[in-house]
Amino acid sequence: MPVMNRRTLLTLAAAGGGTALVGAFGAGNLLTAVGNAVITPALAVDKNALMEAGPLGDIGLGDPNAPNVVIEYASMTCSHCAAFHAETWPAFKAKYIDTGKVYFILREYPLDALATAAFMLARCGPKERYYPLVDLMFDRQGEWAFTDNPKQALLTFVRQAGFTEESFNACLTNKEIQDGVLAVKARASNEFGVSSTPTFFINGEEHRGELSIDEIDEILAD
């Protein structure tokens, strides 16, 4: 999927409560997001602390007893995250997750209120539908993330996953889910130094930026 290095994004203020989050979709200011992903040298963190789940729990893929653990902190409105899931994810999943070599965890690091809302909607459904909905949102990010009316675009988009307007609004006013999503981001920033997306922790070592399958191969071979 083509991904631009510069995208025009809606500026959505972080919301203090669920009702405010729904209202935030009315914002119409524009911001240009700039820059290529930069791969930085690996930094190690406490693996035991890293494996502690947030208030909502982790939703993992693969064998929890796999010899390798990969944790990705992502934002649903991040173009580099979408590029990773379009270009690297299929090969990575087939080669490592489906074969029992990697246990994968996606953790929420929303960069704006729209990304927070998208993660909340993914969390509102059954666990087995979390990754299919996340994958769909990344694959078709342009349909809902970069529009003049993001609230309506997101509602239209998630109707495909079975949401009604009533369940959509109920989810986005669920403060427990909103607080849980934002707690994951806050802990990632405060304890693990995450400041951008995507950020990966591969067996406890931090790798920032959109990784290719060749880069993952090299990291896991060490």
C-alpha atoms as a PDB file:
ATOM      1  CA  MET A   1       0.000   0.000   0.000  1.00  0.00           C
ATOM      2  CA  PRO A   2       1.546   3.371  -0.952  1.00  0.00           C
ATOM      3  CA  VAL A   3       2.256   5.561   2.062  1.00  0.00           C
ATOM      4  CA  MET A   4       3.181   9.243   1.834  1.00  0.00           C
ATOM      5  CA  ASN A   5       5.991  10.694   3.932  1.00  0.00           C
ATOM      6  CA  ARG A   6       3.889  13.831   4.426  1.00  0.00           C
ATOM      7  CA  ARG A   7       0.230  13.511   5.232  1.00  0.00           C
ATOM      8  CA  THR A   8      -2.365  16.092   6.099  1.00  0.00           C
ATOM      9  CA  LEU A   9      -3.908  14.996   9.388  1.00  0.00           C
ATOM     10  CA  LEU A  10      -6.811  16.306  11.405  1.00  0.00           C
ATOM     11  CA  THR A  11      -5.655  17.930  14.610  1.00  0.00           C
ATOM     12  CA  LEU A  12      -7.672  16.245  17.319  1.00  0.00           C
ATOM     13  CA  ALA A  13      -7.121  17.340  20.905  1.00  0.00           C
ATOM     14  CA  ALA A  14      -6.696  14.597  23.492  1.00  0.00           C
ATOM     15  CA  ALA A  15     -10.003  14.191  25.316  1.00  0.00           C
ATOM     16  CA  GLY A  16     -10.423  14.075  29.089  1.00  0.00           C
ATOM     17  CA  GLY A  17     -13.553  11.895  29.025  1.00  0.00           C
ATOM     18  CA  GLY A  18     -15.501   9.607  26.727  1.00  0.00           C
ATOM     19  CA  THR A  19     -18.159  12.183  25.820  1.00  0.00           C
ATOM     20  CA  ALA A  20     -15.457  14.714  24.987  1.00  0.00           C
ATOM     21  CA  LEU A  21     -13.788  12.152  22.770  1.00  0.00           C
ATOM     22  CA  VAL A  22     -16.886  11.838  20.606  1.00  0.00           C
ATOM     23  CA  GLY A  23     -17.125  15.626  20.417  1.00  0.00           C
ATOM     24  CA  ALA A  24     -13.481  15.934  19.426  1.00  0.00           C
ATOM     25  CA  PHE A  25     -14.289  14.528  16.000  1.00  0.00           C
ATOM     26  CA  GLY A  26     -15.742  17.886  15.056  1.00  0.00           C
ATOM     27  CA  ALA A  27     -12.289  19.470  14.970  1.00  0.00           C
ATOM     28  CA  GLY A  28     -11.291  20.765  11.555  1.00  0.00           C
ATOM     29  CA  ASN A  29      -7.806  22.212  11.998  1.00  0.00           C
ATOM     30  CA  LEU A  30      -5.084  20.819   9.807  1.00  0.00           C
ATOM     31  CA  LEU A  31      -1.613  19.670  10.679  1.00  0.00           C
ATOM     32  CA  THR A  32       1.097  18.294   8.448  1.00  0.00           C
ATOM     33  CA  ALA A  33       2.841  15.223   9.824  1.00  0.00           C
ATOM     34  CA  VAL A  34       6.406  15.181   8.607  1.00  0.00           C
ATOM     35  CA  GLY A  35       9.297  12.781   8.494  1.00  0.00           C
ATOM     36  CA  ASN A  36      10.506   9.338   7.663  1.00  0.00           C
ATOM     37  CA  ALA A  37      10.758   6.623  10.287  1.00  0.00           C
ATOM     38  CA  VAL A  38      14.230   6.366  11.761  1.00  0.00           C
ATOM     39  CA  ILE A  39      15.688   3.095  12.964  1.00  0.00           C
ATOM     40  CA  THR A  40      17.625   3.705  16.174  1.00  0.00           C
ATOM     41  CA  PRO A  41      20.124   1.485  18.000  1.00  0.00           C
ATOM     42  CA  ALA A  42      18.504  -1.105  20.243  1.00  0.00           C
ATOM     43  CA  LEU A  43      17.957  -0.163  23.881  1.00  0.00           C
ATOM     44  CA  ALA A  44      17.106  -2.810  26.466  1.00  0.00           C
ATOM     45  CA  VAL A  45      14.365  -2.507  29.088  1.00  0.00           C
ATOM     46  CA  ASP A  46      13.323  -4.718  31.992  1.00  0.00           C
ATOM     47  CA  LYS A  47      11.642  -7.684  30.290  1.00  0.00           C
ATOM     48  CA  ASN A  48       9.514  -8.577  33.307  1.00  0.00           C
ATOM     49  CA  ALA A  49       8.187  -5.035  33.573  1.00  0.00           C
ATOM     50  CA  LEU A  50       7.602  -4.925  29.819  1.00  0.00           C
ATOM     51  CA  MET A  51       5.513  -8.094  29.930  1.00  0.00           C
ATOM     52  CA  GLU A  52       3.118  -6.677  32.529  1.00  0.00           C
ATOM     53  CA  ALA A  53      -0.169  -5.987  30.765  1.00  0.00           C
ATOM     54  CA  GLY A  54      -2.178  -2.796  31.110  1.00  0.00           C
ATOM     55  CA  PRO A  55      -5.621  -2.433  32.732  1.00  0.00           C
ATOM     56  CA  LEU A  56      -7.417  -3.965  29.730  1.00  0.00           C
ATOM     57  CA  GLY A  57      -4.988  -6.873  29.392  1.00  0.00           C
ATOM     58  CA  ASP A  58      -2.904  -7.780  26.375  1.00  0.00           C
ATOM     59  CA  ILE A  59      -4.335  -9.457  23.289  1.00  0.00           C
ATOM     60  CA  GLY A  60      -1.578 -11.588  21.834  1.00  0.00           C
ATOM     61  CA  LEU A  61      -1.113 -13.612  18.681  1.00  0.00           C
ATOM     62  CA  GLY A  62       0.738 -16.902  18.514  1.00  0.00           C
ATOM     63  CA  ASP A  63       2.124 -19.231  21.148  1.00  0.00           C
ATOM     64  CA  PRO A  64       2.618 -17.504  24.533  1.00  0.00           C
ATOM     65  CA  ASN A  65       5.474 -19.963  25.125  1.00  0.00           C
ATOM     66  CA  ALA A  66       7.281 -19.049  21.898  1.00  0.00           C
ATOM     67  CA  PRO A  67      11.033 -18.440  22.257  1.00  0.00           C
ATOM     68  CA  ASN A  68      10.687 -14.823  21.078  1.00  0.00           C
ATOM     69  CA  VAL A  69       8.350 -12.009  22.090  1.00  0.00           C
ATOM     70  CA  VAL A  70       7.663  -8.997  19.876  1.00  0.00           C
ATOM     71  CA  ILE A  71       5.671  -6.073  21.254  1.00  0.00           C
ATOM     72  CA  GLU A  72       4.629  -3.264  18.940  1.00  0.00           C
ATOM     73  CA  TYR A  73       3.448   0.125  20.172  1.00  0.00           C
ATOM     74  CA  ALA A  74       1.385   1.634  17.371  1.00  0.00           C
ATOM     75  CA  SER A  75      -1.092   4.381  16.576  1.00  0.00           C
ATOM     76  CA  MET A  76      -4.027   3.688  14.281  1.00  0.00           C
ATOM     77  CA  THR A  77      -3.491   7.019  12.483  1.00  0.00           C
ATOM     78  CA  CYS A  78       0.252   6.467  11.986  1.00  0.00           C
ATOM     79  CA  SER A  79       1.138   6.076   8.296  1.00  0.00           C
ATOM     80  CA  HIS A  80       4.372   4.210   9.070  1.00  0.00           C
ATOM     81  CA  CYS A  81       2.431   1.760  11.247  1.00  0.00           C
ATOM     82  CA  ALA A  82       0.046   1.177   8.348  1.00  0.00           C
ATOM     83  CA  ALA A  83       3.014   0.671   6.023  1.00  0.00           C
ATOM     84  CA  PHE A  84       4.513  -1.938   8.357  1.00  0.00           C
ATOM     85  CA  HIS A  85       1.230  -3.825   8.516  1.00  0.00           C
ATOM     86  CA  ALA A  86       0.861  -3.682   4.730  1.00  0.00           C
ATOM     87  CA  GLU A  87       4.419  -4.460   3.681  1.00  0.00           C
ATOM     88  CA  THR A  88       6.040  -6.455   6.503  1.00  0.00           C
ATOM     89  CA  TRP A  89       3.249  -7.907   8.604  1.00  0.00           C
ATOM     90  CA  PRO A  90       2.049 -10.681   6.231  1.00  0.00           C
ATOM     91  CA  ALA A  91       5.544 -12.167   5.852  1.00  0.00           C
ATOM     92  CA  PHE A  92       6.366 -11.657   9.538  1.00  0.00           C
ATOM     93  CA  LYS A  93       3.161 -13.368  10.670  1.00  0.00           C
ATOM     94  CA  ALA A  94       3.602 -16.307   8.309  1.00  0.00           C
ATOM     95  CA  LYS A  95       7.292 -16.802   9.083  1.00  0.00           C
ATOM     96  CA  TYR A  96       7.340 -16.261  12.826  1.00  0.00           C
ATOM     97  CA  ILE A  97       3.912 -16.103  14.484  1.00  0.00           C
ATOM     98  CA  ASP A  98       2.142 -18.889  12.619  1.00  0.00           C
ATOM     99  CA  THR A  99       5.147 -21.190  13.078  1.00  0.00           C
ATOM    100  CA  GLY A 100       5.348 -20.735  16.843  1.00  0.00           C
ATOM    101  CA  LYS A 101       8.617 -18.788  16.807  1.00  0.00           C
ATOM    102  CA  VAL A 102       7.192 -15.449  18.003  1.00  0.00           C
ATOM    103  CA  TYR A 103       4.504 -14.369  20.418  1.00  0.00           C
ATOM    104  CA  PHE A 104       3.238 -10.979  19.218  1.00  0.00           C
ATOM    105  CA  ILE A 105       1.481  -8.266  21.213  1.00  0.00           C
ATOM    106  CA  LEU A 106       0.116  -5.031  19.770  1.00  0.00           C
ATOM    107  CA  ARG A 107      -0.164  -2.253  22.336  1.00  0.00           C
ATOM    108  CA  GLU A 108      -2.012   1.008  21.972  1.00  0.00           C
ATOM    109  CA  TYR A 109      -0.033   4.243  21.630  1.00  0.00           C
ATOM    110  CA  PRO A 110      -2.594   6.620  20.106  1.00  0.00           C
ATOM    111  CA  LEU A 111      -1.132   9.858  18.791  1.00  0.00           C
ATOM    112  CA  ASP A 112      -4.477  11.687  18.705  1.00  0.00           C
ATOM    113  CA  ALA A 113      -8.118  11.382  19.721  1.00  0.00           C
ATOM    114  CA  LEU A 114      -9.085   9.662  16.472  1.00  0.00           C
ATOM    115  CA  ALA A 115      -6.495   6.925  17.037  1.00  0.00           C
ATOM    116  CA  THR A 116      -7.758   6.563  20.612  1.00  0.00           C
ATOM    117  CA  ALA A 117     -11.293   6.117  19.299  1.00  0.00           C
ATOM    118  CA  ALA A 118     -10.179   3.511  16.757  1.00  0.00           C
ATOM    119  CA  PHE A 119      -8.416   1.480  19.444  1.00  0.00           C
ATOM    120  CA  MET A 120     -11.441   1.768  21.728  1.00  0.00           C
ATOM    121  CA  LEU A 121     -13.661   0.355  19.001  1.00  0.00           C
ATOM    122  CA  ALA A 122     -11.269  -2.554  18.495  1.00  0.00           C
ATOM    123  CA  ARG A 123     -11.353  -3.186  22.246  1.00  0.00           C
ATOM    124  CA  CYS A 124     -15.156  -3.070  22.423  1.00  0.00           C
ATOM    125  CA  GLY A 125     -15.578  -6.196  20.339  1.00  0.00           C
ATOM    126  CA  PRO A 126     -14.739  -9.815  21.164  1.00  0.00           C
ATOM    127  CA  LYS A 127     -11.026 -10.535  21.558  1.00  0.00           C
ATOM    128  CA  GLU A 128     -11.001 -12.783  18.506  1.00  0.00           C
ATOM    129  CA  ARG A 129     -12.112  -9.814  16.372  1.00  0.00           C
ATOM    130  CA  TYR A 130      -9.463  -7.414  17.702  1.00  0.00           C
ATOM    131  CA  TYR A 131      -6.710  -8.169  15.190  1.00  0.00           C
ATOM    132  CA  PRO A 132      -9.016  -8.568  12.179  1.00  0.00           C
ATOM    133  CA  LEU A 133     -10.476  -5.105  12.868  1.00  0.00           C
ATOM    134  CA  VAL A 134      -7.057  -3.560  13.521  1.00  0.00           C
ATOM    135  CA  ASP A 135      -5.740  -5.088  10.291  1.00  0.00           C
ATOM    136  CA  LEU A 136      -8.715  -3.726   8.364  1.00  0.00           C
ATOM    137  CA  MET A 137      -8.237  -0.260   9.838  1.00  0.00           C
ATOM    138  CA  PHE A 138      -4.565  -0.213   8.881  1.00  0.00           C
ATOM    139  CA  ASP A 139      -5.227  -1.634   5.404  1.00  0.00           C
ATOM    140  CA  ARG A 140      -7.851   1.015   4.642  1.00  0.00           C
ATOM    141  CA  GLN A 141      -6.571   3.821   6.842  1.00  0.00           C
ATOM    142  CA  GLY A 142      -7.186   6.477   4.213  1.00  0.00           C
ATOM    143  CA  GLU A 143     -10.928   5.799   4.181  1.00  0.00           C
ATOM    144  CA  TRP A 144     -11.504   6.883   7.779  1.00  0.00           C
ATOM    145  CA  ALA A 145      -8.394   8.598   9.171  1.00  0.00           C
ATOM    146  CA  PHE A 146      -7.834  11.414   6.688  1.00  0.00           C
ATOM    147  CA  THR A 147     -11.234  12.936   6.007  1.00  0.00           C
ATOM    148  CA  ASP A 148     -13.069  16.184   6.737  1.00  0.00           C
ATOM    149  CA  ASN A 149     -15.591  14.349   8.945  1.00  0.00           C
ATOM    150  CA  PRO A 150     -13.658  11.651  10.819  1.00  0.00           C
ATOM    151  CA  LYS A 151     -16.466  10.740  13.216  1.00  0.00           C
ATOM    152  CA  GLN A 152     -18.866   9.898  10.386  1.00  0.00           C
ATOM    153  CA  ALA A 153     -16.123   8.221   8.358  1.00  0.00           C
ATOM    154  CA  LEU A 154     -15.142   6.022  11.294  1.00  0.00           C
ATOM    155  CA  LEU A 155     -18.766   5.098  11.994  1.00  0.00           C
ATOM    156  CA  THR A 156     -19.314   4.204   8.345  1.00  0.00           C
ATOM    157  CA  PHE A 157     -16.148   2.139   8.354  1.00  0.00           C
ATOM    158  CA  VAL A 158     -16.852   0.110  11.520  1.00  0.00           C
ATOM    159  CA  ARG A 159     -20.406  -0.667  10.446  1.00  0.00           C
ATOM    160  CA  GLN A 160     -18.649  -3.321   8.347  1.00  0.00           C
ATOM    161  CA  ALA A 161     -17.555  -4.925  11.625  1.00  0.00           C
ATOM    162  CA  GLY A 162     -21.092  -4.997  12.987  1.00  0.00           C
ATOM    163  CA  PHE A 163     -21.243  -1.708  14.888  1.00  0.00           C
ATOM    164  CA  THR A 164     -24.438   0.315  14.912  1.00  0.00           C
ATOM    165  CA  GLU A 165     -24.547   4.035  15.671  1.00  0.00           C
ATOM    166  CA  GLU A 166     -25.785   3.151  19.149  1.00  0.00           C
ATOM    167  CA  SER A 167     -22.999   0.661  19.894  1.00  0.00           C
ATOM    168  CA  PHE A 168     -20.451   3.024  18.310  1.00  0.00           C
ATOM    169  CA  ASN A 169     -21.417   5.873  20.632  1.00  0.00           C
ATOM    170  CA  ALA A 170     -21.668   3.556  23.635  1.00  0.00           C
ATOM    171  CA  CYS A 171     -18.132   2.353  23.025  1.00  0.00           C
ATOM    172  CA  LEU A 172     -16.696   5.836  22.631  1.00  0.00           C
ATOM    173  CA  THR A 173     -18.318   6.995  25.875  1.00  0.00           C
ATOM    174  CA  ASN A 174     -16.943   4.012  27.825  1.00  0.00           C
ATOM    175  CA  LYS A 175     -14.501   5.729  30.154  1.00  0.00           C
ATOM    176  CA  GLU A 176     -13.056   2.458  31.450  1.00  0.00           C
ATOM    177  CA  ILE A 177     -11.921   1.491  27.963  1.00  0.00           C
ATOM    178  CA  GLN A 178     -10.673   4.976  27.153  1.00  0.00           C
ATOM    179  CA  ASP A 179      -8.700   5.178  30.397  1.00  0.00           C
ATOM    180  CA  GLY A 180      -7.289   1.704  29.789  1.00  0.00           C
ATOM    181  CA  VAL A 181      -6.062   2.598  26.303  1.00  0.00           C
ATOM    182  CA  LEU A 182      -4.492   5.846  27.484  1.00  0.00           C
ATOM    183  CA  ALA A 183      -2.870   4.099  30.466  1.00  0.00           C
ATOM    184  CA  VAL A 184      -0.968   1.829  28.079  1.00  0.00           C
ATOM    185  CA  LYS A 185       0.395   4.862  26.250  1.00  0.00           C
ATOM    186  CA  ALA A 186       1.312   6.685  29.463  1.00  0.00           C
ATOM    187  CA  ARG A 187       3.183   3.690  30.865  1.00  0.00           C
ATOM    188  CA  ALA A 188       5.012   3.135  27.590  1.00  0.00           C
ATOM    189  CA  SER A 189       6.206   6.733  27.644  1.00  0.00           C
ATOM    190  CA  ASN A 190       7.036   6.958  31.333  1.00  0.00           C
ATOM    191  CA  GLU A 191       8.594   3.536  31.932  1.00  0.00           C
ATOM    192  CA  PHE A 192       9.923   2.422  28.565  1.00  0.00           C
ATOM    193  CA  GLY A 193      10.740   5.712  26.854  1.00  0.00           C
ATOM    194  CA  VAL A 194       8.399   5.244  23.898  1.00  0.00           C
ATOM    195  CA  SER A 195       7.901   8.542  22.085  1.00  0.00           C
ATOM    196  CA  SER A 196       6.989   7.612  18.510  1.00  0.00           C
ATOM    197  CA  THR A 197       5.281   4.947  16.455  1.00  0.00           C
ATOM    198  CA  PRO A 198       5.865   2.299  15.518  1.00  0.00           C
ATOM    199  CA  THR A 199       8.177   1.246  18.336  1.00  0.00           C
ATOM    200  CA  PHE A 200       9.013  -2.437  18.713  1.00  0.00           C
ATOM    201  CA  PHE A 201      10.437  -4.344  21.644  1.00  0.00           C
ATOM    202  CA  ILE A 202      11.975  -7.567  20.396  1.00  0.00           C
ATOM    203  CA  ASN A 203      12.968  -9.786  23.300  1.00  0.00           C
ATOM    204  CA  GLY A 204      13.180  -6.668  25.434  1.00  0.00           C
ATOM    205  CA  GLU A 205      15.255  -4.573  23.023  1.00  0.00           C
ATOM    206  CA  GLU A 206      13.774  -1.399  21.590  1.00  0.00           C
ATOM    207  CA  HIS A 207      13.719  -0.809  17.832  1.00  0.00           C
ATOM    208  CA  ARG A 208      12.078   2.359  16.548  1.00  0.00           C
ATOM    209  CA  GLY A 209      10.605   2.829  13.125  1.00  0.00           C
ATOM    210  CA  GLU A 210       9.007   0.768  10.396  1.00  0.00           C
ATOM    211  CA  LEU A 211      10.931  -2.526  10.274  1.00  0.00           C
ATOM    212  CA  SER A 212      11.329  -4.627   7.144  1.00  0.00           C
ATOM    213  CA  ILE A 213      11.216  -8.409   7.231  1.00  0.00           C
ATOM    214  CA  ASP A 214      14.964  -8.465   6.525  1.00  0.00           C
ATOM    215  CA  GLU A 215      15.618  -6.266   9.548  1.00  0.00           C
ATOM    216  CA  ILE A 216      13.460  -8.505  11.730  1.00  0.00           C
ATOM    217  CA  ASP A 217      15.298 -11.571  10.413  1.00  0.00           C
ATOM    218  CA  GLU A 218      18.607  -9.997  11.382  1.00  0.00           C
ATOM    219  CA  ILE A 219      17.413  -9.000  14.854  1.00  0.00           C
ATOM    220  CA  LEU A 220      15.987 -12.429  15.644  1.00  0.00           C
ATOM    221  CA  ALA A 221      19.106 -14.158  14.325  1.00  0.00           C
ATOM    222  CA  ASP A 222      21.320 -12.422  16.907  1.00  0.00           C
END
